[in-house]
Every structure is written in C-alpha cells, then in structure tokens.
C-alpha cells in the first residue's frame, strides 16, 4: 500500500513513471544531499575591515581584522578571532646634528 502511494505521488509530482522514478531516485537523493551540505555550511572567512563600512563575519569561525579607526564589527557566530591591525612602530630617524 505504501509503495503504491509513493509511486502514484512520483507520477503526480514529477511526471515520471514508477520505473523512471526508481532509476532516478538515487541520483536525486545524492543531488539533494549535495545541495543540503553546500547550502547549509557557511565557510569561514578572513575579513579585513574598511574605514566607514560595517564588518560582518559568517556563522563559522572567522578571522576579522579592524582598521586603525573606529569600526563596527559583527562576528555573527562561530569561534571568531577579532583583532586590530598590526601597526609597525615609527622608525627612529638618525639625527643629523
């Protein structure tokens, strides 16, 4: 009974015969799984902020570097590393006296 219902639903929804549905079923499942995995995972990012623009991370673990100005940084989840830019100290000028 359940199998018959599944076949009728396949014909109605997709327009496939039961044989075609059985043949394409594994392929469609694999494609659906691939879309689910690719669409559901936000990749971690390395973000370098720009002056005057809000900086946003992703829901994964990001590395976000601000500017030397005031920044608005939103990590948005994950195990983020948020820091200031590395600024080199001024170099000493040799005296010409």
C-alpha atoms as a PDB file:
ATOM      1  CA  UNK A   1       0.000   0.000   0.000  1.00  0.00           C
ATOM      2  CA  UNK A   2       2.744   2.459   0.978  1.00  0.00           C
ATOM      3  CA  UNK A   3       4.801   1.597  -2.101  1.00  0.00           C
ATOM      4  CA  UNK A   4       1.777   2.113  -4.361  1.00  0.00           C
ATOM      5  CA  UNK A   5       1.154   5.528  -2.793  1.00  0.00           C
ATOM      6  CA  UNK A   6       4.789   6.510  -3.305  1.00  0.00           C
ATOM      7  CA  UNK A   7       4.623   5.532  -6.968  1.00  0.00           C
ATOM      8  CA  UNK A   8       1.428   7.494  -7.533  1.00  0.00           C
ATOM      9  CA  UNK A   9       2.930  10.540  -5.816  1.00  0.00           C
ATOM     10  CA  UNK A  10       6.031  10.289  -8.011  1.00  0.00           C
ATOM     11  CA  UNK A  11       3.879  10.247 -11.137  1.00  0.00           C
ATOM     12  CA  UNK A  12       1.808  13.173  -9.907  1.00  0.00           C
ATOM     13  CA  UNK A  13       4.618  15.408  -8.634  1.00  0.00           C
ATOM     14  CA  UNK A  14       7.373  14.720 -11.143  1.00  0.00           C
ATOM     15  CA  UNK A  15       5.539  13.191 -14.066  1.00  0.00           C
ATOM     16  CA  UNK A  16       7.762  10.095 -14.005  1.00  0.00           C
ATOM     17  CA  UNK A  17       6.685   6.519 -14.394  1.00  0.00           C
ATOM     18  CA  UNK A  18       7.489   4.257 -11.437  1.00  0.00           C
ATOM     19  CA  UNK A  19      10.383   2.721 -13.403  1.00  0.00           C
ATOM     20  CA  UNK A  20      11.858   6.127 -14.216  1.00  0.00           C
ATOM     21  CA  UNK A  21      11.417   7.229 -10.621  1.00  0.00           C
ATOM     22  CA  UNK A  22      13.206   4.137  -9.331  1.00  0.00           C
ATOM     23  CA  UNK A  23      16.068   4.733 -11.766  1.00  0.00           C
ATOM     24  CA  UNK A  24      16.440   8.434 -10.917  1.00  0.00           C
ATOM     25  CA  UNK A  25      15.742   8.113  -7.189  1.00  0.00           C
ATOM     26  CA  UNK A  26      19.357   7.548  -6.050  1.00  0.00           C
ATOM     27  CA  UNK A  27      20.640  10.333  -8.308  1.00  0.00           C
ATOM     28  CA  UNK A  28      18.046  12.789  -6.999  1.00  0.00           C
ATOM     29  CA  UNK A  29      18.819  11.832  -3.396  1.00  0.00           C
ATOM     30  CA  UNK A  30      22.549  12.411  -3.953  1.00  0.00           C
ATOM     31  CA  UNK A  31      21.884  15.783  -5.608  1.00  0.00           C
ATOM     32  CA  UNK A  32      19.597  16.797  -2.756  1.00  0.00           C
ATOM     33  CA  UNK A  33      22.202  15.793  -0.201  1.00  0.00           C
ATOM     34  CA  UNK A  34      24.890  17.763  -2.047  1.00  0.00           C
ATOM     35  CA  UNK A  35      22.675  20.867  -2.106  1.00  0.00           C
ATOM     36  CA  UNK A  36      21.884  20.475   1.567  1.00  0.00           C
ATOM     37  CA  UNK A  37      25.552  20.209   2.513  1.00  0.00           C
ATOM     38  CA  UNK A  38      26.699  23.047   0.258  1.00  0.00           C
ATOM     39  CA  UNK A  39      23.858  25.394   1.151  1.00  0.00           C
ATOM     40  CA  UNK A  40      23.844  24.740   4.871  1.00  0.00           C
ATOM     41  CA  UNK A  41      27.509  25.324   5.575  1.00  0.00           C
ATOM     42  CA  UNK A  42      28.861  28.848   5.766  1.00  0.00           C
ATOM     43  CA  UNK A  43      32.552  28.828   5.028  1.00  0.00           C
ATOM     44  CA  UNK A  44      34.863  30.603   7.425  1.00  0.00           C
ATOM     45  CA  UNK A  45      36.199  33.898   6.128  1.00  0.00           C
ATOM     46  CA  UNK A  46      39.206  36.115   6.583  1.00  0.00           C
ATOM     47  CA  UNK A  47      37.762  39.630   6.684  1.00  0.00           C
ATOM     48  CA  UNK A  48      39.743  42.870   6.578  1.00  0.00           C
ATOM     49  CA  UNK A  49      37.541  45.814   7.505  1.00  0.00           C
ATOM     50  CA  UNK A  50      37.463  49.087   5.589  1.00  0.00           C
ATOM     51  CA  UNK A  51      37.072  52.502   7.221  1.00  0.00           C
ATOM     52  CA  UNK A  52      33.429  53.580   7.454  1.00  0.00           C
ATOM     53  CA  UNK A  53      31.991  50.209   6.404  1.00  0.00           C
ATOM     54  CA  UNK A  54      30.423  47.756   8.881  1.00  0.00           C
ATOM     55  CA  UNK A  55      32.384  44.496   9.039  1.00  0.00           C
ATOM     56  CA  UNK A  56      30.428  41.239   9.195  1.00  0.00           C
ATOM     57  CA  UNK A  57      31.697  37.708   9.623  1.00  0.00           C
ATOM     58  CA  UNK A  58      29.856  34.466   8.925  1.00  0.00           C
ATOM     59  CA  UNK A  59      28.301  31.894  11.240  1.00  0.00           C
ATOM     60  CA  UNK A  60      31.580  29.925  11.110  1.00  0.00           C
ATOM     61  CA  UNK A  61      34.943  30.645  12.751  1.00  0.00           C
ATOM     62  CA  UNK A  62      36.268  33.811  11.078  1.00  0.00           C
ATOM     63  CA  UNK A  63      39.348  35.965  11.413  1.00  0.00           C
ATOM     64  CA  UNK A  64      38.292  39.622  11.328  1.00  0.00           C
ATOM     65  CA  UNK A  65      40.794  42.482  11.393  1.00  0.00           C
ATOM     66  CA  UNK A  66      39.626  46.027  12.065  1.00  0.00           C
ATOM     67  CA  UNK A  67      41.176  49.298  10.951  1.00  0.00           C
ATOM     68  CA  UNK A  68      43.015  51.958  12.942  1.00  0.00           C
ATOM     69  CA  UNK A  69      39.717  53.915  13.055  1.00  0.00           C
ATOM     70  CA  UNK A  70      36.532  53.152  14.992  1.00  0.00           C
ATOM     71  CA  UNK A  71      34.910  50.050  13.472  1.00  0.00           C
ATOM     72  CA  UNK A  72      31.587  48.254  13.776  1.00  0.00           C
ATOM     73  CA  UNK A  73      32.399  44.537  13.725  1.00  0.00           C
ATOM     74  CA  UNK A  74      29.808  41.763  13.959  1.00  0.00           C
ATOM     75  CA  UNK A  75      31.208  38.253  14.209  1.00  0.00           C
ATOM     76  CA  UNK A  76      27.748  36.644  13.673  1.00  0.00           C
ATOM     77  CA  UNK A  77      28.632  33.396  15.476  1.00  0.00           C
ATOM     78  CA  UNK A  78      31.300  30.754  15.352  1.00  0.00           C
ATOM     79  CA  UNK A  79      34.618  30.849  17.168  1.00  0.00           C
ATOM     80  CA  UNK A  80      35.760  34.181  15.697  1.00  0.00           C
ATOM     81  CA  UNK A  81      39.086  35.906  16.152  1.00  0.00           C
ATOM     82  CA  UNK A  82      38.573  39.678  16.070  1.00  0.00           C
ATOM     83  CA  UNK A  83      41.537  41.989  16.345  1.00  0.00           C
ATOM     84  CA  UNK A  84      43.191  45.254  15.494  1.00  0.00           C
ATOM     85  CA  UNK A  85      45.584  45.640  12.584  1.00  0.00           C
ATOM     86  CA  UNK A  86      49.262  45.154  13.192  1.00  0.00           C
ATOM     87  CA  UNK A  87      50.845  48.602  13.128  1.00  0.00           C
ATOM     88  CA  UNK A  88      54.576  48.940  12.949  1.00  0.00           C
ATOM     89  CA  UNK A  89      56.112  51.397  15.412  1.00  0.00           C
ATOM     90  CA  UNK A  90      57.583  54.520  13.844  1.00  0.00           C
ATOM     91  CA  UNK A  91      61.174  54.100  12.806  1.00  0.00           C
ATOM     92  CA  UNK A  92      63.737  56.304  14.501  1.00  0.00           C
ATOM     93  CA  UNK A  93      65.296  58.923  12.290  1.00  0.00           C
ATOM     94  CA  UNK A  94      69.028  59.392  12.651  1.00  0.00           C
ATOM     95  CA  UNK A  95      69.932  62.833  13.934  1.00  0.00           C
ATOM     96  CA  UNK A  96      71.966  64.990  11.564  1.00  0.00           C
ATOM     97  CA  UNK A  97      73.298  67.341  14.241  1.00  0.00           C
END
